[in-house]
Structures are given as structure tokens and as C-alpha cells.
Amino acid sequence: MTDAIEFYRKALSAMLGLTLTRTVQQVQAVGHRWMYRATENTKNVVVIGGSYAGLWLARRLSETLPTGYKAVLVERNSHFNHLFAFPRYGVVPGIEHQAFIPYDNISTFGPPGILQHIRGSAVSISSNQVRFQSGETLDYEYLAIATGSWQPPPSKAVSLDKEGACAELQSSQQKIQDANRIAIVGGGPVGIQIATDIAAYFPGKNVTLVHSRPQLLNNFGPKLHENVVEAMSRLNINVVLGERPQVGQGGELAFKDGKKSQYDLVIPCTGQRPNSAILEQLVPSAVCPTTKQIKVKPTMQIQDETHKYENIFAVGDVAKTGGPRMARAARAQADIITSNILSMINEQKPSTFYSPQIYEGVIKLTLGKGNYIYYGNDEGGKEVWINGTDKSDDLNIGHAWEGLNTKLQPSVPSSPSYAPSQSRNPTHGQPTKSQRRVGRQGKLRD
């Protein structure tokens, strides 16, 4: 059996299992719509953070919470940021606006009135209340922290609104177009995708990737490293390993042997930090001092030695679960939290445990225009991968829009005169008492 056939067999089995699970959830949600009744003085189950983990958790809660409870999603950004597209969209012009998807239709299967979306910045929490930057507060019965992690642009946007974030991606595109010698610092997925996209869409540019470890993607196996190095060689990318250069003025990189190299543009793709500060104020012992991730039990409840905050959970990249920091893992964790919150509402002990699964760690990595690699490990730890081609410049982002029950907006090029050389044109109810406290910054969205 070839590696490709083995990979497809395992991937198909995992996808069929996930599809079956989701189908069952949707069928159960139909019955839930008929049973649920919107009432006054509902208790809030609050999710802070509306990226992949928080969004899925809010959706699952909207499909399962009983009468008397409702889900509240708190998110600072005006739109869902599809971060998987950011490396490509920061290089290729004319499609950047497609990376930002409206939150309007988060829950299709949940009953009307069960999900509230609040756009606001939560700055602190107590055992039963969230406080916003505006000074307003929101009571909660259960809380899930899904605040993810901080990364420097262009991995993530600084701006919290779509227009500003699009401008950031456009600025990245322009800087890349204007530069001839470009260095990308960081050999993780984002750095590799940016480097290979620049080299593929702008083949005349001199591109260097610098990584501090002797292996690229050091959280994965050596075969992925070998595949990536080979792809970079074909794209004429200069790869420098085992170096953590100092970034000087004007694009200068200083290496450990004393050598200095000058670049027109240096793109940092390092420095990811979990956004755990909101819990560190309340329960310092629950935050890992080295990784700054939130320590959680297998039930996804925070590790609180005092047992005062058993109603607080953490999910996704910010949670120290031992599993991969991937969207698939976040969805699995969200299902665990949903099950355990329902148990606690029914005055039962939370008994559903998260255990990382093989399929959660599979990665799809683009390697320049039209090329990608799917990579994972089997149950015995054997590395399995396939290489493939994809002719879509926008990374088939329409699927992400469909996942949020929204129609993809047509592409509008940012600048008619700006296009990569030797490439295709990119294709472009009434609030309850606790809810009134955030009435000025919250919007009710069913």
C-alpha cells in the first residue's frame, strides 16, 4: 500500500466519522428548536473569543442549551477572521476582503433567541461576571475562555474592523511588491506559506527563510521538513537553519557568527503568545508560568486548586491540553465543554473527557501557488503525507463562508494596476436584566 493510498484511507475514515457526528448533532438540534422556549431572566453561558474554538462552542451551545439558558459570544472583531488565509492574502492582492466573514448567521440550527453576539472587549472576570472595557458588565452562569493567542502581523490583524484589517493586508502586499530582497524569520506554517507564496507569485524576488531550529516545523516529523525543503529548493528560496538573528535598523539581520545581511523587507513570523491575561488576574495558579497557556482538566475546566471556579472552562490555543493547536482539536474540545456544561446544568458531575485524537494533528500546508502537502501521523506514529495541487488563488475560501452560513461576496480587486508577475488574476427579542448592562455595545443576533 502506498503512502498516498494509506493517507487517503485514514483521512476518509476520519472525515466520515466527523461527518456522521455532525449529522447526528444537526438532527438533534432540530428537536431542540421545538423544545426550547425563550424566557425572561435567562442564565448566560458566555464564550469570550470568536475565532475557530469560540465560534464552534457558541454554535454547539446554541444547539443544545435548555430553556432558561442562552449562549453569549463576546468578540472584539467586527468579522470572523479566517486566519488560515492570511499568509496567502497578505501576498496576493485583490482578494483580502474575503478573509473576513460576517458573524450574522452563526447558528442556523439553534432556535431564535438562544444566541447573543456582543462586540466588545472583555478586560476582567470574576466568578460570575465579565467586565468590559466600557465599564459595563455581564453576568454568567458558565464561562469559556477562547481567547486564542497573539501573533504579529501578517499572521493576524491588529485592526478590529474589516476595513482596517483589509488595509493591513494590502499594506503587506505593497511592501512585498516594492521589495527585492525579502527575509522571513520563523519556519513554522505561517512563515513557510508566506515564503513559498512570495517566491511562487513573484519569482524574480530574492527570498530567504530563517529558522532558529535545525528542522523546519519542529513540532512535526522530519519527513514534513524534507518535503518543505525540497519545495523551497524548487522555488529558489534560501533556507537558513539554526539561526535566531537580531533584527536591526533598515532590515538588517545580524547572525551569531557576526555576519550581517541587509534586506529590503523583514517579515517576522515568530512570537506567538497565548492570550491568558484575563484569567491570570483571577486565578494565577491556573496559568502555566512557562507557556502562559491556561491549565485545564480533561473536562476542559480550568485547573483551580481552590475549586471556586469550576464553572470556568478554556478551549483552543489558549488551553494547555496536550493536544495540537489546530482547529479540529478546538472543535473536539468545544464538544467536550458543551457536554460537560449540560451535565452541570442537570446537576450532574462533568464526566466527558478530552483526549487528543490522531486526526486533530493533520496539517494542510500550502507550498506556493497551486501546491500543497497534507501531513499527519498514524496510530503507530508513522509519518503519512500526500502532495497535491490546487488551482484556486483564494484557497477555496467559499467553503469557510458556507461554514458560517453566509454567501461569499464577489471579489473586488484592491488596485487594478497591482498584480503579481507571471500569475493568474486572483478571483477575486427583548434583552434580560443582565443583558441590558451591555446593551450599548451588544447586538442581539439570532
Protein backbone atom coordinates (compact mmCIF):
# COMPACT_ATOMS: atom_id res chain seq x y z
CA MET A 1 0.00 0.00 0.00
CA THR A 2 1.47 3.35 -0.99
CA ASP A 3 1.65 6.27 1.42
CA ALA A 4 -0.91 8.18 -0.66
CA ILE A 5 -3.46 5.36 -0.56
CA GLU A 6 -2.87 4.85 3.15
CA PHE A 7 -3.28 8.56 3.82
CA TYR A 8 -6.50 8.77 1.82
CA ARG A 9 -7.91 5.72 3.60
CA LYS A 10 -7.21 7.12 7.05
CA ALA A 11 -8.36 10.62 6.11
CA LEU A 12 -11.59 9.29 4.60
CA SER A 13 -12.30 7.25 7.71
CA ALA A 14 -11.76 10.27 9.96
CA MET A 15 -13.85 12.56 7.76
CA LEU A 16 -16.72 10.07 7.61
CA GLY A 17 -16.68 9.86 11.40
CA LEU A 18 -16.75 13.64 11.77
CA THR A 19 -19.50 13.97 9.17
CA LEU A 20 -21.61 11.37 10.93
CA THR A 21 -21.12 13.12 14.27
CA ARG A 22 -22.13 16.47 12.81
CA THR A 23 -25.17 14.95 11.10
CA VAL A 24 -26.35 13.50 14.40
CA GLN A 25 -25.81 16.88 16.08
CA GLN A 26 -27.88 18.62 13.44
CA VAL A 27 -30.72 16.11 13.73
CA GLN A 28 -30.75 16.55 17.49
CA ALA A 29 -30.71 20.34 17.03
CA VAL A 30 -33.93 20.15 15.02
CA GLY A 31 -35.71 18.63 18.01
CA HIS A 32 -34.06 21.19 20.26
CA ARG A 33 -35.58 24.03 18.22
CA TRP A 34 -39.06 22.72 19.01
CA MET A 35 -38.37 22.21 22.71
CA TYR A 36 -36.55 25.45 23.54
CA ARG A 37 -38.51 28.49 24.73
CA ALA A 38 -37.06 31.98 25.08
CA THR A 39 -37.82 33.31 28.57
CA GLU A 40 -37.10 36.33 30.72
CA ASN A 41 -34.10 36.30 33.08
CA THR A 42 -32.24 33.58 31.23
CA LYS A 43 -28.87 32.50 32.61
CA ASN A 44 -25.90 33.24 30.38
CA VAL A 45 -23.30 30.78 29.16
CA VAL A 46 -20.60 33.16 27.95
CA VAL A 47 -17.84 32.44 25.43
CA ILE A 48 -15.04 35.02 25.26
CA GLY A 49 -13.40 34.91 21.84
CA GLY A 50 -14.99 34.31 18.46
CA SER A 51 -12.27 32.62 16.44
CA TYR A 52 -12.35 28.92 15.49
CA ALA A 53 -12.72 27.49 19.01
CA GLY A 54 -15.11 30.07 20.43
CA LEU A 55 -17.27 30.21 17.33
CA TRP A 56 -17.80 26.46 17.27
CA LEU A 57 -18.52 26.35 21.00
CA ALA A 58 -21.10 29.14 20.73
CA ARG A 59 -22.75 27.27 17.86
CA ARG A 60 -22.89 23.99 19.79
CA LEU A 61 -24.28 25.71 22.86
CA SER A 62 -26.98 27.35 20.73
CA GLU A 63 -27.99 23.90 19.51
CA THR A 64 -28.17 22.27 22.94
CA LEU A 65 -28.80 24.65 25.88
CA PRO A 66 -32.14 24.07 27.60
CA THR A 67 -34.87 26.62 28.23
CA GLY A 68 -33.70 29.11 30.83
CA TYR A 69 -30.21 29.42 29.38
CA LYS A 70 -28.71 31.17 26.40
CA ALA A 71 -25.29 31.43 24.77
CA VAL A 72 -23.46 34.76 24.58
CA LEU A 73 -20.49 35.14 22.24
CA VAL A 74 -18.17 38.04 23.12
CA GLU A 75 -15.79 39.05 20.34
CA ARG A 76 -13.84 42.26 19.65
CA ASN A 77 -13.57 41.89 15.88
CA SER A 78 -16.30 43.10 13.57
CA HIS A 79 -15.93 39.97 11.40
CA PHE A 80 -14.68 36.43 11.77
CA ASN A 81 -11.02 36.44 10.69
CA HIS A 82 -10.25 33.36 8.60
CA LEU A 83 -6.63 33.22 9.71
CA PHE A 84 -5.74 30.21 7.57
CA ALA A 85 -5.99 32.51 4.55
CA PHE A 86 -3.88 35.34 5.96
CA PRO A 87 -0.45 34.13 4.71
CA ARG A 88 -1.73 33.94 1.11
CA TYR A 89 -3.91 37.06 1.34
CA GLY A 90 -1.03 39.13 2.67
CA VAL A 91 0.86 38.31 -0.53
CA VAL A 92 -1.75 38.12 -3.32
CA PRO A 93 -3.81 41.28 -3.98
CA GLY A 94 -7.47 41.70 -4.77
CA ILE A 95 -9.00 39.04 -2.52
CA GLU A 96 -8.14 40.22 1.00
CA HIS A 97 -11.70 41.21 1.89
CA GLN A 98 -12.79 37.57 1.53
CA ALA A 99 -10.83 36.65 4.67
CA PHE A 100 -13.40 38.48 6.84
CA ILE A 101 -16.75 36.76 7.24
CA PRO A 102 -19.81 38.30 8.94
CA TYR A 103 -20.97 36.85 12.25
CA ASP A 104 -24.62 37.36 11.27
CA ASN A 105 -25.56 33.69 10.79
CA ILE A 106 -23.54 31.89 13.43
CA SER A 107 -26.25 29.41 14.31
CA THR A 108 -28.60 28.05 11.67
CA PHE A 109 -29.85 25.13 13.72
CA GLY A 110 -30.28 26.88 17.06
CA PRO A 111 -33.69 28.31 17.97
CA PRO A 112 -34.34 32.07 17.75
CA GLY A 113 -33.26 33.98 20.84
CA ILE A 114 -30.75 31.43 22.17
CA LEU A 115 -27.58 33.14 20.91
CA GLN A 116 -26.47 36.69 21.55
CA HIS A 117 -23.42 38.18 19.86
CA ILE A 118 -21.74 41.04 21.70
CA ARG A 119 -18.99 43.02 20.04
CA GLY A 120 -16.82 44.24 22.87
CA SER A 121 -13.52 43.80 24.72
CA ALA A 122 -13.64 41.82 27.96
CA VAL A 123 -10.95 43.10 30.32
CA SER A 124 -11.58 41.15 33.53
CA ILE A 125 -13.69 38.40 35.02
CA SER A 126 -14.94 37.37 38.44
CA SER A 127 -16.56 34.10 39.50
CA ASN A 128 -19.84 35.14 37.87
CA GLN A 129 -19.32 38.31 35.88
CA VAL A 130 -17.46 39.64 32.83
CA ARG A 131 -16.38 43.27 32.82
CA PHE A 132 -15.91 45.13 29.54
CA GLN A 133 -13.53 47.91 28.59
CA SER A 134 -16.52 50.27 28.60
CA GLY A 135 -17.14 49.52 32.27
CA GLU A 136 -20.31 47.55 31.56
CA THR A 137 -20.74 44.06 32.98
CA LEU A 138 -22.39 40.78 32.05
CA ASP A 139 -23.44 38.07 34.49
CA TYR A 140 -22.73 34.47 33.63
CA GLU A 141 -23.52 31.03 34.95
CA TYR A 142 -20.77 29.32 32.96
CA LEU A 143 -17.81 30.83 31.13
CA ALA A 144 -15.48 29.55 28.42
CA ILE A 145 -12.25 31.38 27.60
CA ALA A 146 -11.45 31.03 23.90
CA THR A 147 -9.12 33.99 23.52
CA GLY A 148 -6.53 32.21 21.37
CA SER A 149 -3.05 33.66 21.04
CA TRP A 150 -1.33 36.82 19.90
CA GLN A 151 0.78 36.74 16.72
CA PRO A 152 2.45 39.57 14.85
CA PRO A 153 1.07 40.77 11.51
CA PRO A 154 0.59 39.45 8.89
CA SER A 155 -0.28 36.27 10.84
CA LYS A 156 -3.07 38.24 12.49
CA ALA A 157 -4.50 41.71 12.05
CA VAL A 158 -4.11 44.48 14.59
CA SER A 159 -7.28 46.29 13.50
CA LEU A 160 -10.56 45.04 14.93
CA ASP A 161 -12.69 46.09 11.96
CA LYS A 162 -12.79 44.65 8.45
CA GLU A 163 -11.75 47.84 6.67
CA GLY A 164 -8.67 48.35 8.83
CA ALA A 165 -7.66 44.69 8.65
CA CYS A 166 -8.01 44.71 4.85
CA ALA A 167 -5.78 47.78 4.77
CA GLU A 168 -3.15 45.87 6.77
CA LEU A 169 -3.15 43.00 4.28
CA GLN A 170 -2.98 45.48 1.40
CA SER A 171 -0.02 47.16 3.08
CA SER A 172 1.71 43.78 3.36
CA GLN A 173 1.07 43.15 -0.33
CA GLN A 174 2.51 46.54 -1.29
CA LYS A 175 5.63 46.08 0.84
CA ILE A 176 6.26 42.71 -0.78
CA GLN A 177 5.76 44.16 -4.25
CA ASP A 178 8.20 47.00 -3.53
CA ALA A 179 10.94 44.80 -2.04
CA ASN A 180 13.54 42.78 -3.92
CA ARG A 181 15.38 41.08 -1.05
CA ILE A 182 12.94 39.64 1.47
CA ALA A 183 13.64 37.69 4.67
CA ILE A 184 11.02 35.72 6.56
CA VAL A 185 12.01 34.95 10.17
CA GLY A 186 10.31 31.83 11.51
CA GLY A 187 9.98 28.37 9.98
CA GLY A 188 6.53 27.46 11.23
CA PRO A 189 3.46 27.04 8.99
CA VAL A 190 2.86 30.79 8.54
CA GLY A 191 6.46 31.61 7.68
CA ILE A 192 6.71 28.75 5.20
CA GLN A 193 3.46 29.63 3.47
CA ILE A 194 4.39 33.30 3.15
CA ALA A 195 7.86 32.48 1.84
CA THR A 196 6.64 29.98 -0.76
CA ASP A 197 3.80 32.25 -1.88
CA ILE A 198 6.15 35.19 -2.40
CA ALA A 199 8.59 33.04 -4.37
CA ALA A 200 5.79 31.50 -6.46
CA TYR A 201 3.82 34.66 -7.24
CA PHE A 202 6.88 36.92 -7.55
CA PRO A 203 9.58 34.60 -8.96
CA GLY A 204 12.02 37.44 -9.57
CA LYS A 205 12.44 38.24 -5.87
CA ASN A 206 15.25 37.02 -3.61
CA VAL A 207 13.57 35.21 -0.72
CA THR A 208 15.29 33.89 2.43
CA LEU A 209 13.68 31.93 5.26
CA VAL A 210 15.48 31.92 8.62
CA HIS A 211 14.58 29.46 11.38
CA SER A 212 16.04 29.06 14.85
CA ARG A 213 15.90 25.24 14.92
CA PRO A 214 17.78 22.70 12.77
CA GLN A 215 14.41 21.48 11.43
CA LEU A 216 11.55 23.43 9.91
CA LEU A 217 8.15 22.82 11.51
CA ASN A 218 9.89 21.31 14.52
CA ASN A 219 6.59 20.28 16.11
CA PHE A 220 6.19 17.77 13.29
CA GLY A 221 8.27 14.90 11.95
CA PRO A 222 11.36 15.04 9.69
CA LYS A 223 9.51 13.92 6.55
CA LEU A 224 7.46 17.13 6.51
CA HIS A 225 10.68 19.12 6.86
CA GLU A 226 12.20 17.23 3.93
CA ASN A 227 9.16 17.83 1.72
CA VAL A 228 9.13 21.54 2.54
CA VAL A 229 12.87 21.98 1.95
CA GLU A 230 12.51 20.27 -1.43
CA ALA A 231 9.61 22.55 -2.39
CA MET A 232 11.59 25.61 -1.31
CA SER A 233 14.56 24.48 -3.34
CA ARG A 234 12.38 24.32 -6.45
CA LEU A 235 11.27 27.89 -5.72
CA ASN A 236 14.88 29.07 -5.22
CA ILE A 237 14.27 30.05 -1.59
CA ASN A 238 17.39 30.34 0.54
CA VAL A 239 16.84 28.43 3.81
CA VAL A 240 18.97 29.30 6.87
CA LEU A 241 18.56 26.94 9.85
CA GLY A 242 19.82 27.11 13.43
CA GLU A 243 19.86 30.90 13.48
CA ARG A 244 17.99 33.41 15.64
CA PRO A 245 19.13 36.68 14.07
CA GLN A 246 18.90 40.09 15.65
CA VAL A 247 16.79 42.47 13.60
CA GLY A 248 18.47 45.83 13.21
CA GLN A 249 17.50 49.10 11.62
CA GLY A 250 16.50 49.22 7.98
CA GLY A 251 16.02 45.48 7.52
CA GLU A 252 19.43 44.32 8.78
CA LEU A 253 19.76 40.80 10.20
CA ALA A 254 22.75 40.02 12.44
CA PHE A 255 23.68 36.35 12.73
CA LYS A 256 25.54 34.53 15.51
CA ASP A 257 28.81 34.29 13.51
CA GLY A 258 28.88 38.08 13.26
CA LYS A 259 27.73 38.20 9.67
CA LYS A 260 25.15 40.83 8.79
CA SER A 261 22.76 40.76 5.83
CA GLN A 262 20.65 43.60 4.51
CA TYR A 263 17.09 43.08 3.27
CA ASP A 264 14.50 45.40 1.81
CA LEU A 265 11.83 43.73 3.91
CA VAL A 266 11.90 41.50 7.01
CA ILE A 267 8.67 39.66 7.84
CA PRO A 268 8.53 38.30 11.43
CA CYS A 269 6.61 35.04 11.85
CA THR A 270 7.56 34.25 15.45
CA GLY A 271 6.43 35.30 18.88
CA GLN A 272 3.08 33.56 19.34
CA ARG A 273 1.73 34.19 22.87
CA PRO A 274 -1.45 32.78 24.45
CA ASN A 275 -3.98 35.45 25.47
CA SER A 276 -4.43 34.23 29.04
CA ALA A 277 -4.13 37.53 30.94
CA ILE A 278 -7.87 37.75 31.61
CA LEU A 279 -7.69 34.62 33.79
CA GLU A 280 -4.27 35.31 35.26
CA GLN A 281 -5.77 38.21 37.20
CA LEU A 282 -8.37 35.94 38.82
CA VAL A 283 -6.64 32.55 39.16
CA PRO A 284 -2.87 32.99 38.68
CA SER A 285 -2.16 29.34 39.51
CA ALA A 286 -4.23 28.21 36.52
CA VAL A 287 -1.84 29.83 34.03
CA CYS A 288 1.30 27.90 33.10
CA PRO A 289 4.31 30.07 34.02
CA THR A 290 6.36 28.87 31.01
CA THR A 291 3.86 28.63 28.13
CA LYS A 292 1.28 31.10 29.53
CA GLN A 293 -1.43 28.70 28.45
CA ILE A 294 -4.37 28.02 30.76
CA LYS A 295 -4.02 24.71 32.54
CA VAL A 296 -7.16 22.59 32.16
CA LYS A 297 -8.52 19.31 33.43
CA PRO A 298 -9.57 16.58 30.97
CA THR A 299 -13.10 18.03 31.35
CA MET A 300 -11.69 21.33 29.95
CA GLN A 301 -12.43 23.07 33.26
CA ILE A 302 -9.58 25.26 34.46
CA GLN A 303 -7.20 23.70 36.98
CA ASP A 304 -8.34 25.57 40.06
CA GLU A 305 -6.95 24.18 43.29
CA THR A 306 -9.50 26.09 45.37
CA HIS A 307 -12.47 24.60 43.46
CA LYS A 308 -14.07 28.06 43.47
CA TYR A 309 -14.22 28.37 39.69
CA GLU A 310 -15.43 25.03 38.40
CA ASN A 311 -17.83 26.93 36.12
CA ILE A 312 -14.92 28.31 34.06
CA PHE A 313 -13.54 26.44 31.03
CA ALA A 314 -10.81 27.13 28.47
CA VAL A 315 -10.68 25.96 24.86
CA GLY A 316 -8.47 26.21 21.79
CA ASP A 317 -4.93 27.59 21.54
CA VAL A 318 -5.10 29.30 24.93
CA ALA A 319 -5.77 25.98 26.71
CA LYS A 320 -2.93 23.65 27.72
CA THR A 321 -4.48 20.35 26.69
CA GLY A 322 -1.53 18.35 25.39
CA GLY A 323 -3.27 18.22 22.02
CA PRO A 324 -2.37 20.00 18.78
CA ARG A 325 -3.16 23.68 18.40
CA MET A 326 -5.40 23.07 15.42
CA ALA A 327 -8.98 23.98 14.52
CA ARG A 328 -10.01 20.31 14.51
CA ALA A 329 -8.76 19.92 18.06
CA ALA A 330 -10.61 23.08 19.11
CA ARG A 331 -13.87 21.71 17.72
CA ALA A 332 -13.40 18.46 19.61
CA GLN A 333 -12.69 20.39 22.82
CA ALA A 334 -15.78 22.55 22.26
CA ASP A 335 -17.92 19.41 22.05
CA ILE A 336 -16.42 18.24 25.37
CA ILE A 337 -17.24 21.56 27.04
CA THR A 338 -20.79 21.52 25.66
CA SER A 339 -21.40 18.06 27.07
CA ASN A 340 -19.98 18.95 30.49
CA ILE A 341 -21.91 22.22 30.80
CA LEU A 342 -25.12 20.38 30.01
CA SER A 343 -24.25 17.83 32.71
CA MET A 344 -23.65 20.59 35.26
CA ILE A 345 -26.92 22.30 34.32
CA ASN A 346 -28.62 18.97 35.05
CA GLU A 347 -26.80 18.85 38.42
CA GLN A 348 -24.55 16.04 37.31
CA LYS A 349 -20.79 15.77 37.57
CA PRO A 350 -18.97 16.66 34.33
CA SER A 351 -17.72 13.32 33.02
CA THR A 352 -16.78 13.84 29.36
CA PHE A 353 -13.01 13.97 28.93
CA TYR A 354 -10.88 15.35 26.14
CA SER A 355 -8.23 13.07 24.73
CA PRO A 356 -6.28 14.21 21.64
CA GLN A 357 -7.03 12.17 18.51
CA ILE A 358 -4.72 11.41 15.59
CA TYR A 359 -6.84 13.26 13.03
CA GLU A 360 -6.64 16.52 15.02
CA GLY A 361 -2.95 16.93 14.20
CA VAL A 362 -3.21 16.62 10.42
CA ILE A 363 -1.96 19.75 8.68
CA LYS A 364 -2.57 21.10 5.19
CA LEU A 365 0.31 23.34 4.21
CA THR A 366 0.38 25.38 1.02
CA LEU A 367 3.77 25.42 -0.70
CA GLY A 368 3.33 28.23 -3.17
CA LYS A 369 0.82 28.82 -5.93
CA GLY A 370 -1.14 25.68 -6.68
CA ASN A 371 0.83 23.27 -4.45
CA TYR A 372 0.20 21.85 -1.00
CA ILE A 373 1.01 18.95 1.28
CA TYR A 374 -1.30 17.07 3.63
CA TYR A 375 0.68 15.56 6.50
CA GLY A 376 -0.11 13.55 9.62
CA ASN A 377 0.84 10.54 11.71
CA ASP A 378 -0.91 7.20 12.04
CA GLU A 379 -1.66 5.41 15.31
CA GLY A 380 1.85 3.98 15.42
CA GLY A 381 3.49 7.36 14.88
CA LYS A 382 4.39 6.67 11.24
CA GLU A 383 4.53 9.81 9.12
CA VAL A 384 1.98 9.82 6.30
CA TRP A 385 1.59 12.51 3.66
CA ILE A 386 0.42 13.34 0.18
CA ASN A 387 1.36 16.18 -2.14
CA GLY A 388 -1.35 17.82 -4.22
CA THR A 389 -2.24 20.72 -6.44
CA ASP A 390 -4.94 23.36 -6.07
CA LYS A 391 -5.54 25.95 -8.79
CA SER A 392 -7.50 28.29 -6.51
CA ASP A 393 -5.70 31.54 -5.63
CA ASP A 394 -8.22 32.24 -2.86
CA LEU A 395 -7.72 28.81 -1.22
CA ASN A 396 -11.35 27.89 -1.86
CA ILE A 397 -12.42 30.28 0.86
CA GLY A 398 -16.05 29.91 -0.21
CA HIS A 399 -16.17 26.79 1.97
CA ALA A 400 -15.36 28.89 5.04
CA TRP A 401 -18.18 31.29 4.16
CA GLU A 402 -20.58 28.39 3.72
CA GLY A 403 -19.48 27.09 7.13
CA LEU A 404 -20.72 30.34 8.65
CA ASN A 405 -23.96 30.12 6.66
CA THR A 406 -23.05 33.16 4.57
CA LYS A 407 -22.73 33.73 0.84
CA LEU A 408 -19.26 34.64 -0.40
CA GLN A 409 -19.05 38.25 -1.54
CA PRO A 410 -17.70 38.82 -5.08
CA SER A 411 -14.04 39.70 -5.37
CA VAL A 412 -13.19 43.38 -5.80
CA PRO A 413 -9.52 43.98 -6.69
CA SER A 414 -7.77 46.39 -4.34
CA SER A 415 -5.81 48.05 -7.13
CA PRO A 416 -6.27 47.39 -10.86
CA SER A 417 -2.61 48.14 -11.57
CA TYR A 418 -1.24 45.87 -8.86
CA ALA A 419 -0.96 42.21 -9.82
CA PRO A 420 1.75 39.61 -9.19
CA SER A 421 4.02 38.91 -12.13
CA GLN A 422 3.61 35.63 -14.00
CA SER A 423 0.44 34.66 -12.16
CA ARG A 424 -3.24 34.29 -12.81
CA ASN A 425 -5.53 37.16 -11.84
CA PRO A 426 -6.83 36.33 -8.35
CA THR A 427 -10.52 35.51 -8.24
CA HIS A 428 -11.39 37.61 -6.89
CA GLY A 429 -36.48 39.67 21.42
CA GLN A 430 -36.02 41.92 24.42
CA PRO A 431 -32.80 41.62 26.47
CA THR A 432 -32.91 40.34 30.04
CA LYS A 433 -31.73 42.34 33.03
CA SER A 434 -28.15 41.06 32.83
CA GLN A 435 -28.06 41.67 29.07
CA ARG A 436 -29.21 45.29 29.42
CA ARG A 437 -25.92 46.02 31.16
CA VAL A 438 -24.15 45.57 27.83
CA GLY A 439 -26.92 46.97 25.68
CA ARG A 440 -24.89 49.80 24.14
CA GLN A 441 -22.13 47.52 22.81
CA GLY A 442 -24.06 44.31 22.23
CA LYS A 443 -26.20 43.28 19.31
CA LEU A 444 -28.81 40.59 19.50
CA ARG A 445 -28.25 38.18 16.64
CA ASP A 446 -30.26 35.00 16.34
